[in-house]
């Protein structure tokens, strides 16, 4: 019996750190992108509602798959069980290194 794989993916999108749970993660045919497919969110029948998870749930509602730029992905973990999806605002006070380009073009001499 094969168990269903579950991945926790952390990525940056518009000054927000998003942490989502998906069943499939793979490299896209479009160079420089990672595909996230089959999002997993918590049950809505509970009394306590996490506003961050609800915001992510509504943002990805009806989305079959999404393409995330490779340089925006911070971490991908294979996990045994789902935790809470989180959405964290990135403070302007925090300083982070700007992502470097995937490749650097060679210097072309002028003719």
C-alpha atoms as a PDB file:
ATOM      1  CA  UNK A   1       0.000   0.000   0.000  1.00  0.00           C
ATOM      2  CA  UNK A   2       1.456   3.340  -1.024  1.00  0.00           C
ATOM      3  CA  UNK A   3       0.901   6.276   1.245  1.00  0.00           C
ATOM      4  CA  UNK A   4      -0.050   9.667  -0.090  1.00  0.00           C
ATOM      5  CA  UNK A   5       2.853  12.065  -0.128  1.00  0.00           C
ATOM      6  CA  UNK A   6       2.415  15.473   1.390  1.00  0.00           C
ATOM      7  CA  UNK A   7       4.724  18.461   0.950  1.00  0.00           C
ATOM      8  CA  UNK A   8       5.057  21.696   2.917  1.00  0.00           C
ATOM      9  CA  UNK A   9       6.199  24.484   0.596  1.00  0.00           C
ATOM     10  CA  UNK A  10       7.378  27.905   1.784  1.00  0.00           C
ATOM     11  CA  UNK A  11       7.651  30.677  -0.790  1.00  0.00           C
ATOM     12  CA  UNK A  12       7.614  34.466  -1.027  1.00  0.00           C
ATOM     13  CA  UNK A  13       4.860  36.269  -2.917  1.00  0.00           C
ATOM     14  CA  UNK A  14       4.295  40.052  -2.876  1.00  0.00           C
ATOM     15  CA  UNK A  15       5.928  40.775   0.517  1.00  0.00           C
ATOM     16  CA  UNK A  16       4.253  37.755   2.093  1.00  0.00           C
ATOM     17  CA  UNK A  17       5.719  34.453   3.221  1.00  0.00           C
ATOM     18  CA  UNK A  18       3.297  31.693   2.258  1.00  0.00           C
ATOM     19  CA  UNK A  19       3.414  28.185   3.690  1.00  0.00           C
ATOM     20  CA  UNK A  20       1.072  25.743   1.955  1.00  0.00           C
ATOM     21  CA  UNK A  21       0.582  21.991   1.860  1.00  0.00           C
ATOM     22  CA  UNK A  22       0.307  20.205  -1.482  1.00  0.00           C
ATOM     23  CA  UNK A  23       0.268  16.623  -2.739  1.00  0.00           C
ATOM     24  CA  UNK A  24       2.435  17.232  -5.837  1.00  0.00           C
ATOM     25  CA  UNK A  25       5.537  19.366  -6.442  1.00  0.00           C
ATOM     26  CA  UNK A  26       7.591  19.169  -9.630  1.00  0.00           C
ATOM     27  CA  UNK A  27       9.691  21.207 -12.033  1.00  0.00           C
ATOM     28  CA  UNK A  28       7.611  22.890 -14.710  1.00  0.00           C
ATOM     29  CA  UNK A  29       8.265  22.593 -18.401  1.00  0.00           C
ATOM     30  CA  UNK A  30       8.507  26.383 -18.341  1.00  0.00           C
ATOM     31  CA  UNK A  31      12.125  27.046 -17.321  1.00  0.00           C
ATOM     32  CA  UNK A  32      12.573  28.551 -13.871  1.00  0.00           C
ATOM     33  CA  UNK A  33       9.194  27.572 -12.406  1.00  0.00           C
ATOM     34  CA  UNK A  34       8.023  24.948  -9.910  1.00  0.00           C
ATOM     35  CA  UNK A  35       4.493  23.541 -10.129  1.00  0.00           C
ATOM     36  CA  UNK A  36       2.388  23.155  -6.977  1.00  0.00           C
ATOM     37  CA  UNK A  37      -0.656  20.937  -7.417  1.00  0.00           C
ATOM     38  CA  UNK A  38      -3.468  19.496  -5.262  1.00  0.00           C
ATOM     39  CA  UNK A  39      -3.573  21.935  -2.332  1.00  0.00           C
ATOM     40  CA  UNK A  40      -4.538  20.545   1.094  1.00  0.00           C
ATOM     41  CA  UNK A  41      -6.303  22.721   3.663  1.00  0.00           C
ATOM     42  CA  UNK A  42      -7.920  22.009   7.034  1.00  0.00           C
ATOM     43  CA  UNK A  43     -11.543  21.233   7.701  1.00  0.00           C
ATOM     44  CA  UNK A  44     -13.892  24.203   7.986  1.00  0.00           C
ATOM     45  CA  UNK A  45     -16.204  22.465  10.466  1.00  0.00           C
ATOM     46  CA  UNK A  46     -14.114  23.458  13.485  1.00  0.00           C
ATOM     47  CA  UNK A  47     -15.172  26.297  15.754  1.00  0.00           C
ATOM     48  CA  UNK A  48     -11.750  27.965  15.791  1.00  0.00           C
ATOM     49  CA  UNK A  49     -10.866  29.493  12.428  1.00  0.00           C
ATOM     50  CA  UNK A  50      -7.346  30.574  11.499  1.00  0.00           C
ATOM     51  CA  UNK A  51      -7.686  33.800   9.435  1.00  0.00           C
ATOM     52  CA  UNK A  52      -4.349  33.274   7.644  1.00  0.00           C
ATOM     53  CA  UNK A  53      -5.301  29.766   6.543  1.00  0.00           C
ATOM     54  CA  UNK A  54      -8.751  30.959   5.451  1.00  0.00           C
ATOM     55  CA  UNK A  55      -7.164  33.733   3.365  1.00  0.00           C
ATOM     56  CA  UNK A  56      -4.867  31.202   1.657  1.00  0.00           C
ATOM     57  CA  UNK A  57      -7.781  28.834   1.174  1.00  0.00           C
ATOM     58  CA  UNK A  58      -9.832  31.501  -0.598  1.00  0.00           C
ATOM     59  CA  UNK A  59      -6.832  32.610  -2.684  1.00  0.00           C
ATOM     60  CA  UNK A  60      -6.192  29.077  -3.940  1.00  0.00           C
ATOM     61  CA  UNK A  61      -9.848  28.022  -4.121  1.00  0.00           C
ATOM     62  CA  UNK A  62     -10.535  26.447  -7.500  1.00  0.00           C
ATOM     63  CA  UNK A  63      -6.831  26.438  -8.439  1.00  0.00           C
ATOM     64  CA  UNK A  64      -5.773  23.092  -9.891  1.00  0.00           C
ATOM     65  CA  UNK A  65      -2.091  23.991 -10.053  1.00  0.00           C
ATOM     66  CA  UNK A  66       0.071  27.076  -9.779  1.00  0.00           C
ATOM     67  CA  UNK A  67       3.497  27.965 -11.140  1.00  0.00           C
ATOM     68  CA  UNK A  68       5.848  29.590  -8.626  1.00  0.00           C
ATOM     69  CA  UNK A  69       9.158  31.126  -9.737  1.00  0.00           C
ATOM     70  CA  UNK A  70      12.056  28.950  -8.627  1.00  0.00           C
ATOM     71  CA  UNK A  71      13.846  31.837  -6.903  1.00  0.00           C
ATOM     72  CA  UNK A  72      10.744  32.550  -4.754  1.00  0.00           C
ATOM     73  CA  UNK A  73      10.770  29.058  -3.197  1.00  0.00           C
ATOM     74  CA  UNK A  74      12.494  29.031   0.188  1.00  0.00           C
ATOM     75  CA  UNK A  75      11.957  25.429   1.235  1.00  0.00           C
ATOM     76  CA  UNK A  76      10.164  22.202   0.280  1.00  0.00           C
ATOM     77  CA  UNK A  77       9.688  19.511   2.941  1.00  0.00           C
ATOM     78  CA  UNK A  78       8.033  16.120   2.642  1.00  0.00           C
ATOM     79  CA  UNK A  79       5.924  15.737   5.797  1.00  0.00           C
ATOM     80  CA  UNK A  80       3.842  12.985   7.365  1.00  0.00           C
ATOM     81  CA  UNK A  81       0.866  15.099   8.392  1.00  0.00           C
ATOM     82  CA  UNK A  82      -0.568  18.468   7.548  1.00  0.00           C
ATOM     83  CA  UNK A  83      -0.046  21.471   9.771  1.00  0.00           C
ATOM     84  CA  UNK A  84      -1.656  24.869   9.511  1.00  0.00           C
ATOM     85  CA  UNK A  85      -1.081  26.795   6.304  1.00  0.00           C
ATOM     86  CA  UNK A  86       0.367  30.180   7.219  1.00  0.00           C
ATOM     87  CA  UNK A  87       0.586  33.608   5.664  1.00  0.00           C
ATOM     88  CA  UNK A  88       3.104  36.018   7.209  1.00  0.00           C
ATOM     89  CA  UNK A  89       3.678  39.626   6.215  1.00  0.00           C
ATOM     90  CA  UNK A  90       7.350  40.332   5.581  1.00  0.00           C
ATOM     91  CA  UNK A  91       8.355  43.402   7.543  1.00  0.00           C
ATOM     92  CA  UNK A  92      10.145  46.217   5.761  1.00  0.00           C
ATOM     93  CA  UNK A  93      12.567  46.216   8.692  1.00  0.00           C
ATOM     94  CA  UNK A  94      13.811  42.749   7.781  1.00  0.00           C
ATOM     95  CA  UNK A  95      16.711  42.697   5.375  1.00  0.00           C
ATOM     96  CA  UNK A  96      17.125  39.791   2.995  1.00  0.00           C
ATOM     97  CA  UNK A  97      19.575  39.163   0.201  1.00  0.00           C
ATOM     98  CA  UNK A  98      18.141  39.806  -3.222  1.00  0.00           C
ATOM     99  CA  UNK A  99      17.931  36.544  -5.186  1.00  0.00           C
ATOM    100  CA  UNK A 100      20.806  36.148  -7.595  1.00  0.00           C
ATOM    101  CA  UNK A 101      20.065  35.315 -11.228  1.00  0.00           C
ATOM    102  CA  UNK A 102      19.905  31.672 -12.213  1.00  0.00           C
ATOM    103  CA  UNK A 103      22.597  32.230 -14.801  1.00  0.00           C
ATOM    104  CA  UNK A 104      24.791  35.149 -15.709  1.00  0.00           C
ATOM    105  CA  UNK A 105      25.286  36.037 -19.352  1.00  0.00           C
ATOM    106  CA  UNK A 106      28.815  35.906 -20.688  1.00  0.00           C
ATOM    107  CA  UNK A 107      30.506  39.159 -21.500  1.00  0.00           C
ATOM    108  CA  UNK A 108      30.211  39.788 -25.206  1.00  0.00           C
ATOM    109  CA  UNK A 109      32.976  41.967 -26.640  1.00  0.00           C
ATOM    110  CA  UNK A 110      31.833  44.921 -28.673  1.00  0.00           C
ATOM    111  CA  UNK A 111      32.544  44.712 -32.380  1.00  0.00           C
END
